[in-house]
Amino acid sequence: MTYPNIVILNFDLGIRANYDDLYRFLDSYEAMDCGNSNAVFIYPFKGGDLSYEDKFEQVKKELERTAEFSKNDRIYVIVHNNDGVAKGKFLFGQRKTPIWDGYAVKEEDDNLPF
């Protein structure tokens, strides 16, 4: 069973962000809560045999019509192709260094003789 119209959305907005507009968008698609700042919903993609990029672009355009985002806001979505294979992309913002970076002990080889 595949779900080509399922969208998983993660948002990381600042404290001054307009959450109401994003929440209105999510509520209009009856999005389900998936934990802090995560939601899943069915999106009515337009067109047949759409690429991942086509789907990203449709969601992004609607979000741009619905809400205003600042330069530090981040929206990451995951969409599926017709075979159910998922792919994710930042529609707004970009990946940052994670807060957990540096916690794990990593073995490093160096070229020093001691």
PDB file of N, CA and C in Angstrom:
ATOM      1  N   MET A   1       0.848  -1.175   0.000  1.00  0.00           N
ATOM      2  CA  MET A   1       0.000   0.000   0.000  1.00  0.00           C
ATOM      3  C   MET A   1       0.896   1.242   0.000  1.00  0.00           C
ATOM      4  N   THR A   2       0.600   2.194  -0.862  1.00  0.00           N
ATOM      5  CA  THR A   2       1.381   3.422  -0.934  1.00  0.00           C
ATOM      6  C   THR A   2       0.492   4.621  -0.625  1.00  0.00           C
ATOM      7  N   TYR A   3       1.136   5.691  -0.260  1.00  0.00           N
ATOM      8  CA  TYR A   3       0.421   6.911   0.125  1.00  0.00           C
ATOM      9  C   TYR A   3       1.054   8.118  -0.570  1.00  0.00           C
ATOM     10  N   PRO A   4       0.849   8.276  -1.884  1.00  0.00           N
ATOM     11  CA  PRO A   4       1.528   9.355  -2.597  1.00  0.00           C
ATOM     12  C   PRO A   4       1.081  10.756  -2.210  1.00  0.00           C
ATOM     13  N   ASN A   5      -0.033  10.906  -1.494  1.00  0.00           N
ATOM     14  CA  ASN A   5      -0.500  12.243  -1.112  1.00  0.00           C
ATOM     15  C   ASN A   5      -0.196  12.592   0.336  1.00  0.00           C
ATOM     16  N   ILE A   6       0.495  11.735   1.037  1.00  0.00           N
ATOM     17  CA  ILE A   6       0.862  12.003   2.431  1.00  0.00           C
ATOM     18  C   ILE A   6       2.025  12.991   2.473  1.00  0.00           C
ATOM     19  N   VAL A   7       1.907  13.997   3.326  1.00  0.00           N
ATOM     20  CA  VAL A   7       2.982  14.964   3.560  1.00  0.00           C
ATOM     21  C   VAL A   7       3.287  14.971   5.048  1.00  0.00           C
ATOM     22  N   ILE A   8       4.559  14.878   5.372  1.00  0.00           N
ATOM     23  CA  ILE A   8       5.026  15.027   6.752  1.00  0.00           C
ATOM     24  C   ILE A   8       5.738  16.369   6.809  1.00  0.00           C
ATOM     25  N   LEU A   9       5.336  17.212   7.738  1.00  0.00           N
ATOM     26  CA  LEU A   9       5.878  18.567   7.821  1.00  0.00           C
ATOM     27  C   LEU A   9       6.467  18.795   9.203  1.00  0.00           C
ATOM     28  N   ASN A  10       7.686  19.330   9.221  1.00  0.00           N
ATOM     29  CA  ASN A  10       8.357  19.717  10.459  1.00  0.00           C
ATOM     30  C   ASN A  10       8.611  21.209  10.376  1.00  0.00           C
ATOM     31  N   PHE A  11       8.309  21.929  11.462  1.00  0.00           N
ATOM     32  CA  PHE A  11       8.552  23.366  11.454  1.00  0.00           C
ATOM     33  C   PHE A  11       9.385  23.781  12.654  1.00  0.00           C
ATOM     34  N   ASP A  12      10.280  24.716  12.402  1.00  0.00           N
ATOM     35  CA  ASP A  12      11.150  25.299  13.421  1.00  0.00           C
ATOM     36  C   ASP A  12      11.070  26.807  13.214  1.00  0.00           C
ATOM     37  N   LEU A  13      10.165  27.435  13.954  1.00  0.00           N
ATOM     38  CA  LEU A  13       9.919  28.865  13.793  1.00  0.00           C
ATOM     39  C   LEU A  13      10.404  29.616  15.024  1.00  0.00           C
ATOM     40  N   GLY A  14      10.721  30.872  14.837  1.00  0.00           N
ATOM     41  CA  GLY A  14      11.170  31.698  15.943  1.00  0.00           C
ATOM     42  C   GLY A  14      10.035  32.081  16.876  1.00  0.00           C
ATOM     43  N   ILE A  15      10.389  32.719  17.983  1.00  0.00           N
ATOM     44  CA  ILE A  15       9.380  33.072  18.981  1.00  0.00           C
ATOM     45  C   ILE A  15       8.439  34.170  18.488  1.00  0.00           C
ATOM     46  N   ARG A  16       8.868  34.938  17.496  1.00  0.00           N
ATOM     47  CA  ARG A  16       8.024  36.010  16.965  1.00  0.00           C
ATOM     48  C   ARG A  16       7.278  35.589  15.698  1.00  0.00           C
ATOM     49  N   ALA A  17       7.359  34.337  15.352  1.00  0.00           N
ATOM     50  CA  ALA A  17       6.751  33.846  14.108  1.00  0.00           C
ATOM     51  C   ALA A  17       5.230  33.901  14.171  1.00  0.00           C
ATOM     52  N   ASN A  18       4.638  33.921  13.011  1.00  0.00           N
ATOM     53  CA  ASN A  18       3.184  33.922  12.898  1.00  0.00           C
ATOM     54  C   ASN A  18       2.703  32.470  12.857  1.00  0.00           C
ATOM     55  N   TYR A  19       2.580  31.877  14.010  1.00  0.00           N
ATOM     56  CA  TYR A  19       2.136  30.489  14.112  1.00  0.00           C
ATOM     57  C   TYR A  19       0.693  30.324  13.654  1.00  0.00           C
ATOM     58  N   ASP A  20      -0.131  31.340  13.872  1.00  0.00           N
ATOM     59  CA  ASP A  20      -1.552  31.233  13.532  1.00  0.00           C
ATOM     60  C   ASP A  20      -1.766  30.863  12.070  1.00  0.00           C
ATOM     61  N   ASP A  21      -1.010  31.494  11.164  1.00  0.00           N
ATOM     62  CA  ASP A  21      -1.173  31.194   9.737  1.00  0.00           C
ATOM     63  C   ASP A  21      -0.755  29.764   9.414  1.00  0.00           C
ATOM     64  N   LEU A  22       0.347  29.322   9.990  1.00  0.00           N
ATOM     65  CA  LEU A  22       0.780  27.941   9.756  1.00  0.00           C
ATOM     66  C   LEU A  22      -0.227  26.962  10.345  1.00  0.00           C
ATOM     67  N   TYR A  23      -0.699  27.248  11.539  1.00  0.00           N
ATOM     68  CA  TYR A  23      -1.700  26.374  12.162  1.00  0.00           C
ATOM     69  C   TYR A  23      -2.990  26.337  11.343  1.00  0.00           C
ATOM     70  N   ARG A  24      -3.366  27.465  10.760  1.00  0.00           N
ATOM     71  CA  ARG A  24      -4.560  27.518   9.913  1.00  0.00           C
ATOM     72  C   ARG A  24      -4.368  26.614   8.690  1.00  0.00           C
ATOM     73  N   PHE A  25      -3.180  26.678   8.093  1.00  0.00           N
ATOM     74  CA  PHE A  25      -2.855  25.810   6.959  1.00  0.00           C
ATOM     75  C   PHE A  25      -2.966  24.344   7.369  1.00  0.00           C
ATOM     76  N   LEU A  26      -2.336  23.987   8.481  1.00  0.00           N
ATOM     77  CA  LEU A  26      -2.360  22.596   8.940  1.00  0.00           C
ATOM     78  C   LEU A  26      -3.776  22.145   9.278  1.00  0.00           C
ATOM     79  N   ASP A  27      -4.528  23.009   9.924  1.00  0.00           N
ATOM     80  CA  ASP A  27      -5.896  22.656  10.300  1.00  0.00           C
ATOM     81  C   ASP A  27      -6.788  22.482   9.072  1.00  0.00           C
ATOM     82  N   SER A  28      -6.539  23.273   8.038  1.00  0.00           N
ATOM     83  CA  SER A  28      -7.357  23.168   6.825  1.00  0.00           C
ATOM     84  C   SER A  28      -7.197  21.808   6.150  1.00  0.00           C
ATOM     85  N   TYR A  29      -6.079  21.137   6.399  1.00  0.00           N
ATOM     86  CA  TYR A  29      -5.853  19.791   5.853  1.00  0.00           C
ATOM     87  C   TYR A  29      -6.033  18.708   6.916  1.00  0.00           C
ATOM     88  N   GLU A  30      -6.610  19.099   8.043  1.00  0.00           N
ATOM     89  CA  GLU A  30      -6.859  18.161   9.142  1.00  0.00           C
ATOM     90  C   GLU A  30      -5.588  17.398   9.515  1.00  0.00           C
ATOM     91  N   ALA A  31      -4.488  18.139   9.583  1.00  0.00           N
ATOM     92  CA  ALA A  31      -3.198  17.540   9.915  1.00  0.00           C
ATOM     93  C   ALA A  31      -3.240  16.917  11.302  1.00  0.00           C
ATOM     94  N   MET A  32      -2.548  15.802  11.434  1.00  0.00           N
ATOM     95  CA  MET A  32      -2.449  15.126  12.725  1.00  0.00           C
ATOM     96  C   MET A  32      -1.127  15.495  13.384  1.00  0.00           C
ATOM     97  N   ASP A  33      -1.176  15.694  14.669  1.00  0.00           N
ATOM     98  CA  ASP A  33       0.008  15.989  15.458  1.00  0.00           C
ATOM     99  C   ASP A  33       0.914  14.765  15.501  1.00  0.00           C
ATOM    100  N   CYS A  34       2.208  14.999  15.340  1.00  0.00           N
ATOM    101  CA  CYS A  34       3.201  13.917  15.414  1.00  0.00           C
ATOM    102  C   CYS A  34       4.323  14.303  16.367  1.00  0.00           C
ATOM    103  N   GLY A  35       4.003  15.002  17.439  1.00  0.00           N
ATOM    104  CA  GLY A  35       5.016  15.465  18.380  1.00  0.00           C
ATOM    105  C   GLY A  35       5.311  16.931  18.146  1.00  0.00           C
ATOM    106  N   ASN A  36       6.184  17.468  18.977  1.00  0.00           N
ATOM    107  CA  ASN A  36       6.511  18.892  18.888  1.00  0.00           C
ATOM    108  C   ASN A  36       6.939  19.286  17.479  1.00  0.00           C
ATOM    109  N   SER A  37       6.216  20.207  16.906  1.00  0.00           N
ATOM    110  CA  SER A  37       6.546  20.814  15.614  1.00  0.00           C
ATOM    111  C   SER A  37       6.517  19.846  14.440  1.00  0.00           C
ATOM    112  N   ASN A  38       5.762  18.763  14.552  1.00  0.00           N
ATOM    113  CA  ASN A  38       5.642  17.782  13.475  1.00  0.00           C
ATOM    114  C   ASN A  38       4.178  17.488  13.201  1.00  0.00           C
ATOM    115  N   ALA A  39       3.852  17.358  11.924  1.00  0.00           N
ATOM    116  CA  ALA A  39       2.476  17.061  11.534  1.00  0.00           C
ATOM    117  C   ALA A  39       2.480  16.193  10.282  1.00  0.00           C
ATOM    118  N   VAL A  40       1.386  15.476  10.092  1.00  0.00           N
ATOM    119  CA  VAL A  40       1.198  14.685   8.878  1.00  0.00           C
ATOM    120  C   VAL A  40      -0.207  14.961   8.355  1.00  0.00           C
ATOM    121  N   PHE A  41      -0.329  15.060   7.031  1.00  0.00           N
ATOM    122  CA  PHE A  41      -1.628  15.342   6.434  1.00  0.00           C
ATOM    123  C   PHE A  41      -1.658  14.844   4.995  1.00  0.00           C
ATOM    124  N   ILE A  42      -2.857  14.766   4.463  1.00  0.00           N
ATOM    125  CA  ILE A  42      -3.045  14.393   3.062  1.00  0.00           C
ATOM    126  C   ILE A  42      -3.191  15.682   2.261  1.00  0.00           C
ATOM    127  N   TYR A  43      -2.380  15.816   1.218  1.00  0.00           N
ATOM    128  CA  TYR A  43      -2.389  17.026   0.396  1.00  0.00           C
ATOM    129  C   TYR A  43      -2.925  16.691  -0.999  1.00  0.00           C
ATOM    130  N   PRO A  44      -3.828  17.507  -1.522  1.00  0.00           N
ATOM    131  CA  PRO A  44      -4.413  17.232  -2.841  1.00  0.00           C
ATOM    132  C   PRO A  44      -3.512  17.723  -3.980  1.00  0.00           C
ATOM    133  N   PHE A  45      -2.438  17.003  -4.241  1.00  0.00           N
ATOM    134  CA  PHE A  45      -1.531  17.410  -5.313  1.00  0.00           C
ATOM    135  C   PHE A  45      -2.278  17.462  -6.638  1.00  0.00           C
ATOM    136  N   LYS A  46      -1.928  18.454  -7.447  1.00  0.00           N
ATOM    137  CA  LYS A  46      -2.569  18.635  -8.751  1.00  0.00           C
ATOM    138  C   LYS A  46      -1.645  18.100  -9.842  1.00  0.00           C
ATOM    139  N   GLY A  47      -2.193  17.276 -10.718  1.00  0.00           N
ATOM    140  CA  GLY A  47      -1.418  16.718 -11.816  1.00  0.00           C
ATOM    141  C   GLY A  47      -1.154  15.242 -11.588  1.00  0.00           C
ATOM    142  N   GLY A  48      -0.745  14.592 -12.640  1.00  0.00           N
ATOM    143  CA  GLY A  48      -0.449  13.169 -12.542  1.00  0.00           C
ATOM    144  C   GLY A  48       1.032  12.913 -12.703  1.00  0.00           C
ATOM    145  N   ASP A  49       1.491  11.807 -12.165  1.00  0.00           N
ATOM    146  CA  ASP A  49       2.890  11.391 -12.259  1.00  0.00           C
ATOM    147  C   ASP A  49       3.844  12.528 -11.880  1.00  0.00           C
ATOM    148  N   LEU A  50       3.652  13.087 -10.701  1.00  0.00           N
ATOM    149  CA  LEU A  50       4.446  14.222 -10.239  1.00  0.00           C
ATOM    150  C   LEU A  50       5.788  13.773  -9.681  1.00  0.00           C
ATOM    151  N   SER A  51       6.808  14.574  -9.937  1.00  0.00           N
ATOM    152  CA  SER A  51       8.124  14.320  -9.348  1.00  0.00           C
ATOM    153  C   SER A  51       8.121  14.821  -7.909  1.00  0.00           C
ATOM    154  N   TYR A  52       9.161  14.450  -7.173  1.00  0.00           N
ATOM    155  CA  TYR A  52       9.310  14.978  -5.818  1.00  0.00           C
ATOM    156  C   TYR A  52       9.323  16.503  -5.860  1.00  0.00           C
ATOM    157  N   GLU A  53      10.088  17.070  -6.790  1.00  0.00           N
ATOM    158  CA  GLU A  53      10.210  18.531  -6.878  1.00  0.00           C
ATOM    159  C   GLU A  53       8.867  19.188  -7.176  1.00  0.00           C
ATOM    160  N   ASP A  54       8.057  18.555  -8.014  1.00  0.00           N
ATOM    161  CA  ASP A  54       6.714  19.090  -8.288  1.00  0.00           C
ATOM    162  C   ASP A  54       5.904  19.176  -6.997  1.00  0.00           C
ATOM    163  N   LYS A  55       5.982  18.127  -6.204  1.00  0.00           N
ATOM    164  CA  LYS A  55       5.226  18.092  -4.950  1.00  0.00           C
ATOM    165  C   LYS A  55       5.766  19.117  -3.960  1.00  0.00           C
ATOM    166  N   PHE A  56       7.085  19.211  -3.840  1.00  0.00           N
ATOM    167  CA  PHE A  56       7.675  20.220  -2.952  1.00  0.00           C
ATOM    168  C   PHE A  56       7.208  21.612  -3.360  1.00  0.00           C
ATOM    169  N   GLU A  57       7.221  21.875  -4.654  1.00  0.00           N
ATOM    170  CA  GLU A  57       6.858  23.202  -5.154  1.00  0.00           C
ATOM    171  C   GLU A  57       5.388  23.527  -4.882  1.00  0.00           C
ATOM    172  N   GLN A  58       4.498  22.569  -5.044  1.00  0.00           N
ATOM    173  CA  GLN A  58       3.078  22.824  -4.780  1.00  0.00           C
ATOM    174  C   GLN A  58       2.833  23.164  -3.313  1.00  0.00           C
ATOM    175  N   VAL A  59       3.454  22.413  -2.414  1.00  0.00           N
ATOM    176  CA  VAL A  59       3.281  22.687  -0.982  1.00  0.00           C
ATOM    177  C   VAL A  59       3.902  24.039  -0.635  1.00  0.00           C
ATOM    178  N   LYS A  60       5.093  24.304  -1.168  1.00  0.00           N
ATOM    179  CA  LYS A  60       5.773  25.570  -0.871  1.00  0.00           C
ATOM    180  C   LYS A  60       4.952  26.770  -1.343  1.00  0.00           C
ATOM    181  N   LYS A  61       4.411  26.695  -2.543  1.00  0.00           N
ATOM    182  CA  LYS A  61       3.623  27.820  -3.061  1.00  0.00           C
ATOM    183  C   LYS A  61       2.403  28.089  -2.194  1.00  0.00           C
ATOM    184  N   GLU A  62       1.750  27.028  -1.754  1.00  0.00           N
ATOM    185  CA  GLU A  62       0.579  27.247  -0.899  1.00  0.00           C
ATOM    186  C   GLU A  62       0.992  27.814   0.455  1.00  0.00           C
ATOM    187  N   LEU A  63       2.082  27.333   1.008  1.00  0.00           N
ATOM    188  CA  LEU A  63       2.560  27.885   2.279  1.00  0.00           C
ATOM    189  C   LEU A  63       2.907  29.362   2.129  1.00  0.00           C
ATOM    190  N   GLU A  64       3.522  29.734   1.010  1.00  0.00           N
ATOM    191  CA  GLU A  64       3.864  31.140   0.770  1.00  0.00           C
ATOM    192  C   GLU A  64       2.614  32.006   0.658  1.00  0.00           C
ATOM    193  N   ARG A  65       1.547  31.458   0.104  1.00  0.00           N
ATOM    194  CA  ARG A  65       0.280  32.207   0.015  1.00  0.00           C
ATOM    195  C   ARG A  65      -0.401  32.314   1.375  1.00  0.00           C
ATOM    196  N   THR A  66      -0.153  31.340   2.223  1.00  0.00           N
ATOM    197  CA  THR A  66      -0.852  31.235   3.501  1.00  0.00           C
ATOM    198  C   THR A  66      -0.146  31.961   4.633  1.00  0.00           C
ATOM    199  N   ALA A  67       1.172  31.895   4.655  1.00  0.00           N
ATOM    200  CA  ALA A  67       1.928  32.415   5.799  1.00  0.00           C
ATOM    201  C   ALA A  67       3.177  33.147   5.332  1.00  0.00           C
ATOM    202  N   GLU A  68       3.692  33.967   6.225  1.00  0.00           N
ATOM    203  CA  GLU A  68       4.933  34.680   5.968  1.00  0.00           C
ATOM    204  C   GLU A  68       5.994  34.113   6.893  1.00  0.00           C
ATOM    205  N   PHE A  69       7.152  33.801   6.346  1.00  0.00           N
ATOM    206  CA  PHE A  69       8.225  33.220   7.141  1.00  0.00           C
ATOM    207  C   PHE A  69       9.424  34.154   7.150  1.00  0.00           C
ATOM    208  N   SER A  70      10.130  34.182   8.277  1.00  0.00           N
ATOM    209  CA  SER A  70      11.333  35.006   8.375  1.00  0.00           C
ATOM    210  C   SER A  70      12.526  34.209   7.869  1.00  0.00           C
ATOM    211  N   LYS A  71      13.654  34.867   7.751  1.00  0.00           N
ATOM    212  CA  LYS A  71      14.844  34.213   7.196  1.00  0.00           C
ATOM    213  C   LYS A  71      15.358  33.086   8.089  1.00  0.00           C
ATOM    214  N   ASN A  72      15.020  33.101   9.367  1.00  0.00           N
ATOM    215  CA  ASN A  72      15.492  32.055  10.276  1.00  0.00           C
ATOM    216  C   ASN A  72      14.496  30.913  10.464  1.00  0.00           C
ATOM    217  N   ASP A  73      13.297  31.050   9.926  1.00  0.00           N
ATOM    218  CA  ASP A  73      12.301  29.982  10.037  1.00  0.00           C
ATOM    219  C   ASP A  73      12.687  28.824   9.126  1.00  0.00           C
ATOM    220  N   ARG A  74      12.329  27.629   9.575  1.00  0.00           N
ATOM    221  CA  ARG A  74      12.630  26.440   8.777  1.00  0.00           C
ATOM    222  C   ARG A  74      11.387  25.562   8.670  1.00  0.00           C
ATOM    223  N   ILE A  75      11.123  25.130   7.453  1.00  0.00           N
ATOM    224  CA  ILE A  75      10.040  24.182   7.183  1.00  0.00           C
ATOM    225  C   ILE A  75      10.651  23.045   6.366  1.00  0.00           C
ATOM    226  N   TYR A  76      10.544  21.834   6.895  1.00  0.00           N
ATOM    227  CA  TYR A  76      11.054  20.643   6.219  1.00  0.00           C
ATOM    228  C   TYR A  76       9.874  19.731   5.942  1.00  0.00           C
ATOM    229  N   VAL A  77       9.754  19.262   4.706  1.00  0.00           N
ATOM    230  CA  VAL A  77       8.656  18.355   4.375  1.00  0.00           C
ATOM    231  C   VAL A  77       9.194  17.071   3.762  1.00  0.00           C
ATOM    232  N   ILE A  78       8.434  16.019   3.974  1.00  0.00           N
ATOM    233  CA  ILE A  78       8.712  14.724   3.365  1.00  0.00           C
ATOM    234  C   ILE A  78       7.492  14.365   2.534  1.00  0.00           C
ATOM    235  N   VAL A  79       7.740  14.022   1.270  1.00  0.00           N
ATOM    236  CA  VAL A  79       6.677  13.579   0.368  1.00  0.00           C
ATOM    237  C   VAL A  79       7.042  12.196  -0.153  1.00  0.00           C
ATOM    238  N   HIS A  80       6.083  11.551  -0.787  1.00  0.00           N
ATOM    239  CA  HIS A  80       6.287  10.196  -1.304  1.00  0.00           C
ATOM    240  C   HIS A  80       5.980  10.156  -2.794  1.00  0.00           C
ATOM    241  N   ASN A  81       6.702   9.297  -3.503  1.00  0.00           N
ATOM    242  CA  ASN A  81       6.358   9.097  -4.908  1.00  0.00           C
ATOM    243  C   ASN A  81       5.247   8.055  -5.006  1.00  0.00           C
ATOM    244  N   ASN A  82       4.871   7.690  -6.211  1.00  0.00           N
ATOM    245  CA  ASN A  82       3.762   6.747  -6.395  1.00  0.00           C
ATOM    246  C   ASN A  82       4.080   5.346  -5.892  1.00  0.00           C
ATOM    247  N   ASP A  83       5.362   5.043  -5.696  1.00  0.00           N
ATOM    248  CA  ASP A  83       5.760   3.746  -5.145  1.00  0.00           C
ATOM    249  C   ASP A  83       5.873   3.782  -3.626  1.00  0.00           C
ATOM    250  N   GLY A  84       5.623   4.940  -3.033  1.00  0.00           N
ATOM    251  CA  GLY A  84       5.687   5.070  -1.584  1.00  0.00           C
ATOM    252  C   GLY A  84       7.060   5.399  -1.040  1.00  0.00           C
ATOM    253  N   VAL A  85       8.017   5.695  -1.922  1.00  0.00           N
ATOM    254  CA  VAL A  85       9.372   6.025  -1.486  1.00  0.00           C
ATOM    255  C   VAL A  85       9.405   7.495  -1.064  1.00  0.00           C
ATOM    256  N   ALA A  86       9.903   7.732   0.138  1.00  0.00           N
ATOM    257  CA  ALA A  86       9.895   9.080   0.715  1.00  0.00           C
ATOM    258  C   ALA A  86      11.160   9.855   0.364  1.00  0.00           C
ATOM    259  N   LYS A  87      11.006  11.180   0.298  1.00  0.00           N
ATOM    260  CA  LYS A  87      12.137  12.086   0.107  1.00  0.00           C
ATOM    261  C   LYS A  87      11.802  13.387   0.821  1.00  0.00           C
ATOM    262  N   GLY A  88      12.787  13.965   1.504  1.00  0.00           N
ATOM    263  CA  GLY A  88      12.564  15.195   2.244  1.00  0.00           C
ATOM    264  C   GLY A  88      13.382  16.352   1.724  1.00  0.00           C
ATOM    265  N   LYS A  89      12.925  17.559   2.063  1.00  0.00           N
ATOM    266  CA  LYS A  89      13.608  18.772   1.610  1.00  0.00           C
ATOM    267  C   LYS A  89      13.184  19.947   2.485  1.00  0.00           C
ATOM    268  N   PHE A  90      14.103  20.873   2.707  1.00  0.00           N
ATOM    269  CA  PHE A  90      13.755  22.136   3.348  1.00  0.00           C
ATOM    270  C   PHE A  90      13.076  23.024   2.310  1.00  0.00           C
ATOM    271  N   LEU A  91      11.841  23.417   2.580  1.00  0.00           N
ATOM    272  CA  LEU A  91      11.161  24.371   1.708  1.00  0.00           C
ATOM    273  C   LEU A  91      11.557  25.791   2.076  1.00  0.00           C
ATOM    274  N   PHE A  92      11.827  25.999   3.350  1.00  0.00           N
ATOM    275  CA  PHE A  92      12.296  27.284   3.865  1.00  0.00           C
ATOM    276  C   PHE A  92      13.423  26.981   4.833  1.00  0.00           C
ATOM    277  N   GLY A  93      14.481  27.777   4.781  1.00  0.00           N
ATOM    278  CA  GLY A  93      15.603  27.565   5.684  1.00  0.00           C
ATOM    279  C   GLY A  93      16.501  26.445   5.199  1.00  0.00           C
ATOM    280  N   GLN A  94      17.379  26.031   6.086  1.00  0.00           N
ATOM    281  CA  GLN A  94      18.349  24.996   5.733  1.00  0.00           C
ATOM    282  C   GLN A  94      18.777  24.229   6.970  1.00  0.00           C
ATOM    283  N   ARG A  95      19.521  23.164   6.741  1.00  0.00           N
ATOM    284  CA  ARG A  95      20.001  22.331   7.831  1.00  0.00           C
ATOM    285  C   ARG A  95      21.019  23.108   8.672  1.00  0.00           C
ATOM    286  N   LYS A  96      20.971  22.900   9.980  1.00  0.00           N
ATOM    287  CA  LYS A  96      21.911  23.524  10.909  1.00  0.00           C
ATOM    288  C   LYS A  96      22.713  22.442  11.617  1.00  0.00           C
ATOM    289  N   THR A  97      23.788  22.847  12.268  1.00  0.00           N
ATOM    290  CA  THR A  97      24.528  21.908  13.097  1.00  0.00           C
ATOM    291  C   THR A  97      23.621  21.496  14.247  1.00  0.00           C
ATOM    292  N   PRO A  98      23.431  20.197  14.445  1.00  0.00           N
ATOM    293  CA  PRO A  98      22.513  19.759  15.504  1.00  0.00           C
ATOM    294  C   PRO A  98      23.065  20.037  16.900  1.00  0.00           C
ATOM    295  N   ILE A  99      22.155  20.240  17.849  1.00  0.00           N
ATOM    296  CA  ILE A  99      22.588  20.548  19.213  1.00  0.00           C
ATOM    297  C   ILE A  99      23.317  19.381  19.850  1.00  0.00           C
ATOM    298  N   TRP A 100      23.155  18.178  19.337  1.00  0.00           N
ATOM    299  CA  TRP A 100      23.816  17.006  19.909  1.00  0.00           C
ATOM    300  C   TRP A 100      25.203  16.777  19.312  1.00  0.00           C
ATOM    301  N   ASP A 101      25.606  17.610  18.363  1.00  0.00           N
ATOM    302  CA  ASP A 101      26.915  17.449  17.737  1.00  0.00           C
ATOM    303  C   ASP A 101      28.014  17.551  18.789  1.00  0.00           C
ATOM    304  N   GLY A 102      28.888  16.584  18.817  1.00  0.00           N
ATOM    305  CA  GLY A 102      30.005  16.587  19.751  1.00  0.00           C
ATOM    306  C   GLY A 102      29.807  15.707  20.964  1.00  0.00           C
ATOM    307  N   TYR A 103      28.632  15.139  21.153  1.00  0.00           N
ATOM    308  CA  TYR A 103      28.379  14.286  22.315  1.00  0.00           C
ATOM    309  C   TYR A 103      28.987  12.893  22.164  1.00  0.00           C
ATOM    310  N   ALA A 104      29.005  12.369  20.977  1.00  0.00           N
ATOM    311  CA  ALA A 104      29.519  11.009  20.771  1.00  0.00           C
ATOM    312  C   ALA A 104      31.039  11.023  20.694  1.00  0.00           C
ATOM    313  N   VAL A 105      31.639   9.979  21.223  1.00  0.00           N
ATOM    314  CA  VAL A 105      33.082   9.811  21.114  1.00  0.00           C
ATOM    315  C   VAL A 105      33.357   9.255  19.726  1.00  0.00           C
ATOM    316  N   LYS A 106      34.213   9.935  19.007  1.00  0.00           N
ATOM    317  CA  LYS A 106      34.535   9.513  17.647  1.00  0.00           C
ATOM    318  C   LYS A 106      36.012   9.187  17.573  1.00  0.00           C
ATOM    319  N   GLU A 107      36.294   8.070  16.959  1.00  0.00           N
ATOM    320  CA  GLU A 107      37.690   7.698  16.778  1.00  0.00           C
ATOM    321  C   GLU A 107      38.245   8.476  15.604  1.00  0.00           C
ATOM    322  N   GLU A 108      39.403   9.051  15.847  1.00  0.00           N
ATOM    323  CA  GLU A 108      40.048   9.799  14.781  1.00  0.00           C
ATOM    324  C   GLU A 108      41.468   9.298  14.626  1.00  0.00           C
ATOM    325  N   ASP A 109      41.846   9.056  13.426  1.00  0.00           N
ATOM    326  CA  ASP A 109      43.230   8.707  13.135  1.00  0.00           C
ATOM    327  C   ASP A 109      43.943   9.981  12.739  1.00  0.00           C
ATOM    328  N   ASP A 110      45.115  10.148  13.281  1.00  0.00           N
ATOM    329  CA  ASP A 110      45.923  11.263  12.820  1.00  0.00           C
ATOM    330  C   ASP A 110      47.255  10.696  12.352  1.00  0.00           C
ATOM    331  N   ASN A 111      48.013  11.513  11.720  1.00  0.00           N
ATOM    332  CA  ASN A 111      49.277  11.069  11.138  1.00  0.00           C
ATOM    333  C   ASN A 111      50.461  11.308  12.048  1.00  0.00           C
ATOM    334  N   LEU A 112      50.223  11.663  13.296  1.00  0.00           N
ATOM    335  CA  LEU A 112      51.325  11.912  14.217  1.00  0.00           C
ATOM    336  C   LEU A 112      51.943  10.593  14.659  1.00  0.00           C
ATOM    337  N   PRO A 113      53.284  10.560  14.865  1.00  0.00           N
ATOM    338  CA  PRO A 113      53.956   9.306  15.218  1.00  0.00           C
ATOM    339  C   PRO A 113      53.807   8.921  16.689  1.00  0.00           C
ATOM    340  N   PHE A 114      53.098   9.634  17.478  1.00  0.00           N
ATOM    341  CA  PHE A 114      52.940   9.291  18.902  1.00  0.00           C
ATOM    342  C   PHE A 114      51.497   9.201  19.303  1.00  0.00           C
TER     343      PHE A 114
END
